C-alpha atoms as a PDB file:
ATOM      1  CA  UNK A   1       0.763  13.092  44.846  1.00  0.00           C
ATOM      2  CA  UNK A   2      -0.070  16.364  43.092  1.00  0.00           C
ATOM      3  CA  UNK A   3       3.240  16.219  41.253  1.00  0.00           C
ATOM      4  CA  UNK A   4       2.475  12.681  40.037  1.00  0.00           C
ATOM      5  CA  UNK A   5      -0.965  13.781  38.819  1.00  0.00           C
ATOM      6  CA  UNK A   6       0.540  16.755  37.036  1.00  0.00           C
ATOM      7  CA  UNK A   7       3.122  14.505  35.376  1.00  0.00           C
ATOM      8  CA  UNK A   8       0.388  12.155  34.193  1.00  0.00           C
ATOM      9  CA  UNK A   9      -1.675  15.022  32.805  1.00  0.00           C
ATOM     10  CA  UNK A  10       1.353  16.437  31.044  1.00  0.00           C
ATOM     11  CA  UNK A  11       2.215  13.063  29.480  1.00  0.00           C
ATOM     12  CA  UNK A  12      -1.390  12.558  28.467  1.00  0.00           C
ATOM     13  CA  UNK A  13      -1.559  15.971  26.821  1.00  0.00           C
ATOM     14  CA  UNK A  14       1.682  15.347  24.912  1.00  0.00           C
ATOM     15  CA  UNK A  15       0.397  11.967  23.757  1.00  0.00           C
ATOM     16  CA  UNK A  16      -2.884  13.465  22.549  1.00  0.00           C
ATOM     17  CA  UNK A  17      -1.021  16.245  20.758  1.00  0.00           C
ATOM     18  CA  UNK A  18       1.178  13.745  18.911  1.00  0.00           C
ATOM     19  CA  UNK A  19      -1.759  11.494  18.039  1.00  0.00           C
ATOM     20  CA  UNK A  20      -3.916  14.335  16.736  1.00  0.00           C
ATOM     21  CA  UNK A  21      -0.961  15.743  14.791  1.00  0.00           C
ATOM     22  CA  UNK A  22      -0.328  12.425  13.074  1.00  0.00           C
ATOM     23  CA  UNK A  23      -4.050  11.976  12.445  1.00  0.00           C
ATOM     24  CA  UNK A  24      -4.265  15.416  10.854  1.00  0.00           C
ATOM     25  CA  UNK A  25      -1.340  14.677   8.581  1.00  0.00           C
ATOM     26  CA  UNK A  26      -2.891  11.384   7.514  1.00  0.00           C
ATOM     27  CA  UNK A  27      -6.164  13.099   6.716  1.00  0.00           C
ATOM     28  CA  UNK A  28      -4.372  15.730   4.642  1.00  0.00           C
ATOM     29  CA  UNK A  29      -2.455  13.034   2.749  1.00  0.00           C
ATOM     30  CA  UNK A  30      -5.668  11.094   2.154  1.00  0.00           C
ATOM     31  CA  UNK A  31      -7.361  14.226   0.823  1.00  0.00           C
ATOM     32  CA  UNK A  32      -4.425  14.914  -1.518  1.00  0.00           C
ATOM     33  CA  UNK A  33      -4.493  11.351  -2.867  1.00  0.00           C
ATOM     34  CA  UNK A  34      -8.251  11.576  -3.392  1.00  0.00           C
ATOM     35  CA  UNK A  35      -7.849  14.810  -5.368  1.00  0.00           C
ATOM     36  CA  UNK A  36      -5.084  13.259  -7.449  1.00  0.00           C
ATOM     37  CA  UNK A  37      -7.262  10.275  -8.336  1.00  0.00           C
ATOM     38  CA  UNK A  38     -10.136  12.605  -9.241  1.00  0.00           C
ATOM     39  CA  UNK A  39      -7.904  14.520 -11.680  1.00  0.00           C
ATOM     40  CA  UNK A  40      -6.412  11.431 -13.302  1.00  0.00           C
ATOM     41  CA  UNK A  41      -9.693   9.547 -13.594  1.00  0.00           C
ATOM     42  CA  UNK A  42     -11.641  12.704 -14.567  1.00  0.00           C
ATOM     43  CA  UNK A  43     -14.194  12.281 -11.845  1.00  0.00           C
ATOM     44  CA  UNK A  44     -16.291  15.269 -10.857  1.00  0.00           C
ATOM     45  CA  UNK A  45     -18.359  13.817  -8.037  1.00  0.00           C
ATOM     46  CA  UNK A  46     -16.938  13.787  -4.540  1.00  0.00           C
ATOM     47  CA  UNK A  47     -16.716  10.395  -2.899  1.00  0.00           C
ATOM     48  CA  UNK A  48     -18.919   9.736   0.071  1.00  0.00           C
ATOM     49  CA  UNK A  49     -17.431   9.465   3.541  1.00  0.00           C
ATOM     50  CA  UNK A  50     -16.420   5.940   4.489  1.00  0.00           C
ATOM     51  CA  UNK A  51     -15.638   4.436   7.874  1.00  0.00           C
ATOM     52  CA  UNK A  52     -12.168   3.320   8.937  1.00  0.00           C
ATOM     53  CA  UNK A  53     -13.184  -0.324   8.608  1.00  0.00           C
ATOM     54  CA  UNK A  54     -14.474   0.255   5.056  1.00  0.00           C
ATOM     55  CA  UNK A  55     -11.224   1.925   4.030  1.00  0.00           C
ATOM     56  CA  UNK A  56      -9.255  -0.900   5.614  1.00  0.00           C
ATOM     57  CA  UNK A  57     -11.268  -3.497   3.708  1.00  0.00           C
ATOM     58  CA  UNK A  58     -10.832  -1.493   0.497  1.00  0.00           C
ATOM     59  CA  UNK A  59      -7.068  -1.807   0.882  1.00  0.00           C
ATOM     60  CA  UNK A  60      -7.326  -5.540   1.557  1.00  0.00           C
ATOM     61  CA  UNK A  61      -9.592  -6.116  -1.443  1.00  0.00           C
ATOM     62  CA  UNK A  62      -7.228  -4.067  -3.631  1.00  0.00           C
ATOM     63  CA  UNK A  63      -4.388  -6.362  -2.556  1.00  0.00           C
ATOM     64  CA  UNK A  64      -6.534  -9.385  -3.394  1.00  0.00           C
ATOM     65  CA  UNK A  65      -7.299  -7.973  -6.832  1.00  0.00           C
ATOM     66  CA  UNK A  66      -3.695  -7.342  -7.858  1.00  0.00           C
ATOM     67  CA  UNK A  67      -2.719 -10.794  -6.540  1.00  0.00           C
ATOM     68  CA  UNK A  68      -5.611 -12.474  -8.386  1.00  0.00           C
ATOM     69  CA  UNK A  69      -6.863 -13.995  -5.141  1.00  0.00           C
ATOM     70  CA  UNK A  70     -10.495 -15.201  -5.296  1.00  0.00           C
ATOM     71  CA  UNK A  71     -11.061 -13.932  -1.770  1.00  0.00           C
ATOM     72  CA  UNK A  72     -13.915 -11.783  -0.511  1.00  0.00           C
ATOM     73  CA  UNK A  73     -14.536  -9.581   2.489  1.00  0.00           C
ATOM     74  CA  UNK A  74     -15.890 -12.611   4.338  1.00  0.00           C
ATOM     75  CA  UNK A  75     -12.603 -14.453   3.720  1.00  0.00           C
ATOM     76  CA  UNK A  76     -10.641 -11.544   5.154  1.00  0.00           C
ATOM     77  CA  UNK A  77     -12.875 -11.486   8.218  1.00  0.00           C
ATOM     78  CA  UNK A  78     -12.284 -15.212   8.754  1.00  0.00           C
ATOM     79  CA  UNK A  79      -8.505 -14.832   8.462  1.00  0.00           C
ATOM     80  CA  UNK A  80      -8.413 -11.849  10.807  1.00  0.00           C
ATOM     81  CA  UNK A  81     -10.652 -13.695  13.293  1.00  0.00           C
ATOM     82  CA  UNK A  82      -8.215 -16.630  13.404  1.00  0.00           C
ATOM     83  CA  UNK A  83      -5.281 -14.289  14.007  1.00  0.00           C
ATOM     84  CA  UNK A  84      -7.289 -12.457  16.656  1.00  0.00           C
ATOM     85  CA  UNK A  85      -8.071 -15.604  18.642  1.00  0.00           C
ATOM     86  CA  UNK A  86      -4.436 -16.712  18.501  1.00  0.00           C
ATOM     87  CA  UNK A  87      -3.200 -13.348  19.760  1.00  0.00           C
ATOM     88  CA  UNK A  88      -5.943 -13.142  22.370  1.00  0.00           C
ATOM     89  CA  UNK A  89      -5.020 -16.599  23.678  1.00  0.00           C
ATOM     90  CA  UNK A  90      -1.446 -15.383  24.145  1.00  0.00           C
ATOM     91  CA  UNK A  91      -2.567 -12.284  26.065  1.00  0.00           C
ATOM     92  CA  UNK A  92      -4.913 -14.424  28.181  1.00  0.00           C
ATOM     93  CA  UNK A  93      -2.066 -16.791  29.093  1.00  0.00           C
ATOM     94  CA  UNK A  94      -0.020 -13.755  30.105  1.00  0.00           C
ATOM     95  CA  UNK A  95      -2.830 -12.648  32.483  1.00  0.00           C
ATOM     96  CA  UNK A  96      -3.607  -9.347  30.769  1.00  0.00           C
ATOM     97  CA  UNK A  97      -6.917  -7.639  31.325  1.00  0.00           C
ATOM     98  CA  UNK A  98      -9.561  -8.961  28.946  1.00  0.00           C
ATOM     99  CA  UNK A  99     -10.385  -5.572  27.405  1.00  0.00           C
ATOM    100  CA  UNK A 100      -6.735  -4.650  26.911  1.00  0.00           C
ATOM    101  CA  UNK A 101      -6.010  -8.075  25.442  1.00  0.00           C
ATOM    102  CA  UNK A 102      -8.881  -7.782  22.979  1.00  0.00           C
ATOM    103  CA  UNK A 103      -7.823  -4.329  21.784  1.00  0.00           C
ATOM    104  CA  UNK A 104      -4.169  -5.330  21.483  1.00  0.00           C
ATOM    105  CA  UNK A 105      -4.993  -8.591  19.703  1.00  0.00           C
ATOM    106  CA  UNK A 106      -7.335  -6.922  17.222  1.00  0.00           C
ATOM    107  CA  UNK A 107      -4.821  -4.201  16.376  1.00  0.00           C
ATOM    108  CA  UNK A 108      -1.945  -6.648  15.926  1.00  0.00           C
ATOM    109  CA  UNK A 109      -4.067  -9.012  13.820  1.00  0.00           C
ATOM    110  CA  UNK A 110      -5.261  -6.291  11.451  1.00  0.00           C
ATOM    111  CA  UNK A 111      -1.774  -4.792  11.137  1.00  0.00           C
ATOM    112  CA  UNK A 112      -0.025  -8.097  10.413  1.00  0.00           C
ATOM    113  CA  UNK A 113      -2.677  -9.185   7.914  1.00  0.00           C
ATOM    114  CA  UNK A 114      -2.624  -5.930   5.961  1.00  0.00           C
ATOM    115  CA  UNK A 115       1.176  -5.670   5.936  1.00  0.00           C
ATOM    116  CA  UNK A 116       1.549  -9.252   4.692  1.00  0.00           C
ATOM    117  CA  UNK A 117      -0.702  -8.752   1.668  1.00  0.00           C
ATOM    118  CA  UNK A 118       0.644  -5.238   1.079  1.00  0.00           C
ATOM    119  CA  UNK A 119       4.147  -6.675   0.692  1.00  0.00           C
ATOM    120  CA  UNK A 120       2.932  -9.354  -1.719  1.00  0.00           C
ATOM    121  CA  UNK A 121       0.907  -6.793  -3.705  1.00  0.00           C
ATOM    122  CA  UNK A 122       3.889  -4.451  -3.969  1.00  0.00           C
ATOM    123  CA  UNK A 123       6.008  -7.247  -5.411  1.00  0.00           C
ATOM    124  CA  UNK A 124       3.313  -8.177  -7.904  1.00  0.00           C
ATOM    125  CA  UNK A 125       2.909  -4.558  -9.055  1.00  0.00           C
ATOM    126  CA  UNK A 126       6.654  -4.288  -9.504  1.00  0.00           C
ATOM    127  CA  UNK A 127       6.734  -7.513 -11.546  1.00  0.00           C
ATOM    128  CA  UNK A 128       3.888  -6.289 -13.757  1.00  0.00           C
ATOM    129  CA  UNK A 129       5.528  -2.893 -14.294  1.00  0.00           C
ATOM    130  CA  UNK A 130       8.928  -4.417 -15.028  1.00  0.00           C
ATOM    131  CA  UNK A 131       7.457  -6.874 -17.550  1.00  0.00           C
ATOM    132  CA  UNK A 132       5.413  -4.109 -19.181  1.00  0.00           C
ATOM    133  CA  UNK A 133       8.456  -1.865 -19.596  1.00  0.00           C
ATOM    134  CA  UNK A 134      11.106  -4.467 -20.458  1.00  0.00           C
ATOM    135  CA  UNK A 135       9.128  -6.825 -22.670  1.00  0.00           C
ATOM    136  CA  UNK A 136       5.757  -5.341 -23.572  1.00  0.00           C
ATOM    137  CA  UNK A 137       6.911  -1.915 -24.738  1.00  0.00           C
ATOM    138  CA  UNK A 138       9.754  -3.433 -26.751  1.00  0.00           C
ATOM    139  CA  UNK A 139       7.286  -5.510 -28.761  1.00  0.00           C
ATOM    140  CA  UNK A 140       4.638  -2.816 -29.020  1.00  0.00           C
ATOM    141  CA  UNK A 141       7.016  -0.175 -30.380  1.00  0.00           C
ATOM    142  CA  UNK A 142       7.637  -2.105 -33.605  1.00  0.00           C
ATOM    143  CA  UNK A 143       3.900  -2.285 -34.337  1.00  0.00           C
ATOM    144  CA  UNK A 144       3.462   1.411 -33.504  1.00  0.00           C
ATOM    145  CA  UNK A 145       6.306   2.352 -35.824  1.00  0.00           C
ATOM    146  CA  UNK A 146       4.756   0.316 -38.644  1.00  0.00           C
ATOM    147  CA  UNK A 147       1.038   1.061 -38.221  1.00  0.00           C
ATOM    148  CA  UNK A 148       0.643   3.769 -35.559  1.00  0.00           C
ATOM    149  CA  UNK A 149      -2.339   1.850 -34.168  1.00  0.00           C
ATOM    150  CA  UNK A 150      -2.457   1.439 -30.403  1.00  0.00           C
ATOM    151  CA  UNK A 151      -4.914  -1.462 -30.464  1.00  0.00           C
ATOM    152  CA  UNK A 152      -2.702  -3.452 -32.837  1.00  0.00           C
ATOM    153  CA  UNK A 153       0.328  -2.844 -30.620  1.00  0.00           C
ATOM    154  CA  UNK A 154      -1.491  -4.041 -27.504  1.00  0.00           C
ATOM    155  CA  UNK A 155      -2.755  -7.156 -29.276  1.00  0.00           C
ATOM    156  CA  UNK A 156       0.838  -7.922 -30.298  1.00  0.00           C
ATOM    157  CA  UNK A 157       1.996  -7.457 -26.720  1.00  0.00           C
ATOM    158  CA  UNK A 158      -0.715  -9.828 -25.493  1.00  0.00           C
ATOM    159  CA  UNK A 159       0.301 -12.533 -27.979  1.00  0.00           C
ATOM    160  CA  UNK A 160       4.008 -12.416 -27.142  1.00  0.00           C
ATOM    161  CA  UNK A 161       4.077 -11.961 -23.366  1.00  0.00           C
ATOM    162  CA  UNK A 162       4.321 -15.063 -21.198  1.00  0.00           C
ATOM    163  CA  UNK A 163       3.897 -13.437 -17.778  1.00  0.00           C
ATOM    164  CA  UNK A 164       0.382 -14.625 -16.945  1.00  0.00           C
ATOM    165  CA  UNK A 165      -0.785 -11.774 -14.612  1.00  0.00           C
ATOM    166  CA  UNK A 166       0.086  -9.065 -17.160  1.00  0.00           C
ATOM    167  CA  UNK A 167      -1.035 -11.101 -20.178  1.00  0.00           C
ATOM    168  CA  UNK A 168      -4.452 -11.688 -18.606  1.00  0.00           C
ATOM    169  CA  UNK A 169      -4.892  -7.980 -17.907  1.00  0.00           C
ATOM    170  CA  UNK A 170      -3.754  -6.946 -21.380  1.00  0.00           C
ATOM    171  CA  UNK A 171      -6.217  -9.391 -22.881  1.00  0.00           C
ATOM    172  CA  UNK A 172      -8.995  -7.741 -20.875  1.00  0.00           C
ATOM    173  CA  UNK A 173      -7.798  -4.359 -22.193  1.00  0.00           C
ATOM    174  CA  UNK A 174      -7.952  -5.581 -25.795  1.00  0.00           C
ATOM    175  CA  UNK A 175     -11.529  -6.765 -25.328  1.00  0.00           C
ATOM    176  CA  UNK A 176     -12.336  -3.434 -23.674  1.00  0.00           C
ATOM    177  CA  UNK A 177     -11.021  -1.515 -26.695  1.00  0.00           C
ATOM    178  CA  UNK A 178     -13.148  -3.641 -28.998  1.00  0.00           C
ATOM    179  CA  UNK A 179     -16.303  -2.672 -27.119  1.00  0.00           C
ATOM    180  CA  UNK A 180     -18.247   0.490 -28.051  1.00  0.00           C
ATOM    181  CA  UNK A 181     -17.882   1.857 -24.529  1.00  0.00           C
ATOM    182  CA  UNK A 182     -14.923   4.096 -25.410  1.00  0.00           C
ATOM    183  CA  UNK A 183     -14.493   6.363 -28.405  1.00  0.00           C
ATOM    184  CA  UNK A 184     -10.794   5.658 -28.921  1.00  0.00           C
ATOM    185  CA  UNK A 185      -8.341   2.945 -27.843  1.00  0.00           C
ATOM    186  CA  UNK A 186      -6.418   5.610 -25.934  1.00  0.00           C
ATOM    187  CA  UNK A 187      -9.453   6.314 -23.720  1.00  0.00           C
ATOM    188  CA  UNK A 188      -9.821   2.606 -22.982  1.00  0.00           C
ATOM    189  CA  UNK A 189      -6.090   2.414 -22.209  1.00  0.00           C
ATOM    190  CA  UNK A 190      -6.372   5.247 -19.671  1.00  0.00           C
ATOM    191  CA  UNK A 191      -9.445   3.715 -18.032  1.00  0.00           C
ATOM    192  CA  UNK A 192      -7.752   0.313 -17.793  1.00  0.00           C
ATOM    193  CA  UNK A 193      -4.514   1.753 -16.392  1.00  0.00           C
ATOM    194  CA  UNK A 194      -6.330   3.716 -13.682  1.00  0.00           C
ATOM    195  CA  UNK A 195      -8.147   0.577 -12.562  1.00  0.00           C
ATOM    196  CA  UNK A 196      -4.899  -1.390 -12.538  1.00  0.00           C
ATOM    197  CA  UNK A 197      -3.603   0.505  -9.512  1.00  0.00           C
ATOM    198  CA  UNK A 198      -0.040   1.052 -10.807  1.00  0.00           C
ATOM    199  CA  UNK A 199       0.785   4.736 -10.966  1.00  0.00           C
ATOM    200  CA  UNK A 200       3.593   4.467 -13.536  1.00  0.00           C
ATOM    201  CA  UNK A 201       1.405   2.618 -16.040  1.00  0.00           C
ATOM    202  CA  UNK A 202      -1.384   5.157 -15.411  1.00  0.00           C
ATOM    203  CA  UNK A 203       1.030   7.970 -16.314  1.00  0.00           C
ATOM    204  CA  UNK A 204       2.136   5.944 -19.328  1.00  0.00           C
ATOM    205  CA  UNK A 205      -1.443   5.648 -20.579  1.00  0.00           C
ATOM    206  CA  UNK A 206      -2.219   9.301 -19.896  1.00  0.00           C
ATOM    207  CA  UNK A 207       0.872  10.410 -21.842  1.00  0.00           C
ATOM    208  CA  UNK A 208      -0.181   8.119 -24.702  1.00  0.00           C
ATOM    209  CA  UNK A 209      -3.622   9.712 -24.927  1.00  0.00           C
ATOM    210  CA  UNK A 210      -2.244  13.248 -24.820  1.00  0.00           C
ATOM    211  CA  UNK A 211       0.405  12.437 -27.438  1.00  0.00           C
ATOM    212  CA  UNK A 212      -2.274  11.061 -29.759  1.00  0.00           C
ATOM    213  CA  UNK A 213      -4.197  14.327 -29.538  1.00  0.00           C
ATOM    214  CA  UNK A 214      -1.174  16.341 -30.726  1.00  0.00           C
ATOM    215  CA  UNK A 215       0.037  13.792 -33.330  1.00  0.00           C
ATOM    216  CA  UNK A 216       3.231  12.949 -31.439  1.00  0.00           C
ATOM    217  CA  UNK A 217       4.816   9.674 -32.688  1.00  0.00           C
ATOM    218  CA  UNK A 218       3.766   7.021 -30.178  1.00  0.00           C
ATOM    219  CA  UNK A 219       6.728   4.741 -30.842  1.00  0.00           C
ATOM    220  CA  UNK A 220       9.239   7.395 -29.821  1.00  0.00           C
ATOM    221  CA  UNK A 221       7.095   8.389 -26.849  1.00  0.00           C
ATOM    222  CA  UNK A 222       6.926   4.785 -25.638  1.00  0.00           C
ATOM    223  CA  UNK A 223      10.684   4.374 -25.946  1.00  0.00           C
ATOM    224  CA  UNK A 224      11.357   7.558 -23.968  1.00  0.00           C
ATOM    225  CA  UNK A 225       8.748   6.751 -21.307  1.00  0.00           C
ATOM    226  CA  UNK A 226      10.049   3.192 -20.917  1.00  0.00           C
ATOM    227  CA  UNK A 227      13.605   4.437 -20.512  1.00  0.00           C
ATOM    228  CA  UNK A 228      12.675   7.052 -17.920  1.00  0.00           C
ATOM    229  CA  UNK A 229      10.424   4.779 -15.882  1.00  0.00           C
ATOM    230  CA  UNK A 230      12.923   1.921 -16.148  1.00  0.00           C
ATOM    231  CA  UNK A 231      15.633   4.118 -14.631  1.00  0.00           C
ATOM    232  CA  UNK A 232      13.250   5.186 -11.859  1.00  0.00           C
ATOM    233  CA  UNK A 233      12.426   1.547 -11.132  1.00  0.00           C
ATOM    234  CA  UNK A 234      16.109   0.631 -10.902  1.00  0.00           C
ATOM    235  CA  UNK A 235      16.734   3.603  -8.616  1.00  0.00           C
ATOM    236  CA  UNK A 236      13.899   2.553  -6.303  1.00  0.00           C
ATOM    237  CA  UNK A 237      15.224  -1.002  -6.218  1.00  0.00           C
ATOM    238  CA  UNK A 238      18.717   0.204  -5.337  1.00  0.00           C
ATOM    239  CA  UNK A 239      17.437   2.469  -2.549  1.00  0.00           C
ATOM    240  CA  UNK A 240      15.244  -0.339  -1.195  1.00  0.00           C
ATOM    241  CA  UNK A 241      18.175  -2.760  -1.232  1.00  0.00           C
ATOM    242  CA  UNK A 242      20.349  -0.263   0.642  1.00  0.00           C
ATOM    243  CA  UNK A 243      17.755   0.388   3.334  1.00  0.00           C
ATOM    244  CA  UNK A 244      16.141  -3.064   3.600  1.00  0.00           C
ATOM    245  CA  UNK A 245      18.694  -4.373   6.096  1.00  0.00           C
ATOM    246  CA  UNK A 246      18.389  -1.397   8.437  1.00  0.00           C
ATOM    247  CA  UNK A 247      14.593  -1.324   8.184  1.00  0.00           C
ATOM    248  CA  UNK A 248      14.276  -5.043   8.861  1.00  0.00           C
ATOM    249  CA  UNK A 249      16.648  -4.709  11.781  1.00  0.00           C
ATOM    250  CA  UNK A 250      14.480  -1.975  13.218  1.00  0.00           C
ATOM    251  CA  UNK A 251      11.388  -4.166  12.916  1.00  0.00           C
ATOM    252  CA  UNK A 252      13.071  -7.093  14.661  1.00  0.00           C
ATOM    253  CA  UNK A 253      14.522  -4.889  17.402  1.00  0.00           C
ATOM    254  CA  UNK A 254      11.135  -3.356  18.123  1.00  0.00           C
ATOM    255  CA  UNK A 255       9.372  -6.733  18.049  1.00  0.00           C
ATOM    256  CA  UNK A 256      11.809  -8.472  20.365  1.00  0.00           C
ATOM    257  CA  UNK A 257      12.107  -5.606  22.844  1.00  0.00           C
ATOM    258  CA  UNK A 258       8.396  -4.793  22.943  1.00  0.00           C
ATOM    259  CA  UNK A 259       7.489  -8.458  23.099  1.00  0.00           C
ATOM    260  CA  UNK A 260       9.837  -8.970  26.033  1.00  0.00           C
ATOM    261  CA  UNK A 261       8.335  -5.978  27.841  1.00  0.00           C
ATOM    262  CA  UNK A 262       4.762  -7.148  27.296  1.00  0.00           C
ATOM    263  CA  UNK A 263       5.571 -10.707  28.358  1.00  0.00           C
ATOM    264  CA  UNK A 264       7.294  -9.564  31.533  1.00  0.00           C
ATOM    265  CA  UNK A 265       4.786  -6.855  32.475  1.00  0.00           C
ATOM    266  CA  UNK A 266       2.068  -9.065  34.080  1.00  0.00           C
ATOM    267  CA  UNK A 267       4.684 -10.656  36.347  1.00  0.00           C
ATOM    268  CA  UNK A 268       6.516  -7.494  37.412  1.00  0.00           C
ATOM    269  CA  UNK A 269       3.526  -5.154  37.521  1.00  0.00           C
ATOM    270  CA  UNK A 270       2.658  -5.872  41.190  1.00  0.00           C
ATOM    271  CA  UNK A 271       6.175  -4.809  42.169  1.00  0.00           C
ATOM    272  CA  UNK A 272       6.186  -1.588  40.135  1.00  0.00           C
ATOM    273  CA  UNK A 273       5.394   1.820  41.530  1.00  0.00           C
ATOM    274  CA  UNK A 274       3.009   4.218  39.838  1.00  0.00           C
ATOM    275  CA  UNK A 275       5.852   6.309  38.433  1.00  0.00           C
ATOM    276  CA  UNK A 276       7.645   3.231  37.067  1.00  0.00           C
ATOM    277  CA  UNK A 277       4.470   1.932  35.458  1.00  0.00           C
ATOM    278  CA  UNK A 278       3.802   5.330  33.909  1.00  0.00           C
ATOM    279  CA  UNK A 279       7.265   5.556  32.344  1.00  0.00           C
ATOM    280  CA  UNK A 280       6.989   1.925  31.231  1.00  0.00           C
ATOM    281  CA  UNK A 281       3.999   2.725  29.029  1.00  0.00           C
ATOM    282  CA  UNK A 282       5.556   6.015  27.887  1.00  0.00           C
ATOM    283  CA  UNK A 283       8.606   4.061  26.703  1.00  0.00           C
ATOM    284  CA  UNK A 284       6.432   1.663  24.727  1.00  0.00           C
ATOM    285  CA  UNK A 285       4.504   4.589  23.243  1.00  0.00           C
ATOM    286  CA  UNK A 286       7.714   6.307  22.101  1.00  0.00           C
ATOM    287  CA  UNK A 287       9.012   3.063  20.585  1.00  0.00           C
ATOM    288  CA  UNK A 288       5.712   2.518  18.771  1.00  0.00           C
ATOM    289  CA  UNK A 289       5.820   6.072  17.421  1.00  0.00           C
ATOM    290  CA  UNK A 290       9.351   5.448  16.169  1.00  0.00           C
ATOM    291  CA  UNK A 291       8.237   2.267  14.414  1.00  0.00           C
ATOM    292  CA  UNK A 292       5.345   4.168  12.836  1.00  0.00           C
ATOM    293  CA  UNK A 293       7.752   6.759  11.439  1.00  0.00           C
ATOM    294  CA  UNK A 294       9.965   3.982  10.049  1.00  0.00           C
ATOM    295  CA  UNK A 295       6.987   2.379   8.325  1.00  0.00           C
ATOM    296  CA  UNK A 296       5.810   5.701   6.895  1.00  0.00           C
ATOM    297  CA  UNK A 297       9.295   6.434   5.559  1.00  0.00           C
ATOM    298  CA  UNK A 298       9.585   2.979   4.023  1.00  0.00           C
ATOM    299  CA  UNK A 299       6.218   3.410   2.289  1.00  0.00           C
ATOM    300  CA  UNK A 300       7.621   6.431   0.448  1.00  0.00           C
ATOM    301  CA  UNK A 301      10.291   4.154  -1.034  1.00  0.00           C
ATOM    302  CA  UNK A 302       7.962   1.221  -1.727  1.00  0.00           C
ATOM    303  CA  UNK A 303       5.200   3.149  -3.529  1.00  0.00           C
END
């Protein structure tokens, strides 16, 4: 009995060590991203601390914004509530404890909802970036070579593009440049690009503003930037295509195996010993940690 207790304590300590290690790394990454945004957006005030739920809703609302969805936080709550009740009904039919079923259902609902819109938002950002580089820059360069005026080039891009999500955002940028809020069109371009949420376009705008300060020809800069970022985009697409099959296979393997375990657990639990039950949950924890590492690695490719 003492050996079983010691084994449980050891497993619990290892689990806590892994969880706190991952949490610490996430906090460090979040702090680095916050500092990066402060430098790019030239913000000097530190952001106030926000709860986990607020940060989660910020991500959801950012996905809504890039997808042009007229949804609000209340809409997200309604969608997540529907998913929660569906998942909770499944756990109730499988005779899980009510508290465990509620926690599991809430976690699964929030994860599935965020991942669904994150995938759609990533595709939309990629479409906007590809259209901006392949079509917009090509049309804007001719105006820059002739006039050297950024506002004229962006107006020309707005008139010729037919991709509605990018055209609508470029039109908003043109109206922003016409307002007295910003001293130069380059400043308005940087502000607009930072709010767009696409890092490559933000770098594009920042390089444009710096080149204007030092009288660098913008047409040549745009051509070079478009070529470099276009090659990076093709490289990311090729890497994603090479790893998509293996990553999707890992998701399906984890879902089917974990789902089978969780479905069978209420029926076999009365016949399991304490040691077997302990290693059952350890196995699920290790599999979940492996899936987390797969997702984190895939996010590096999909950014």
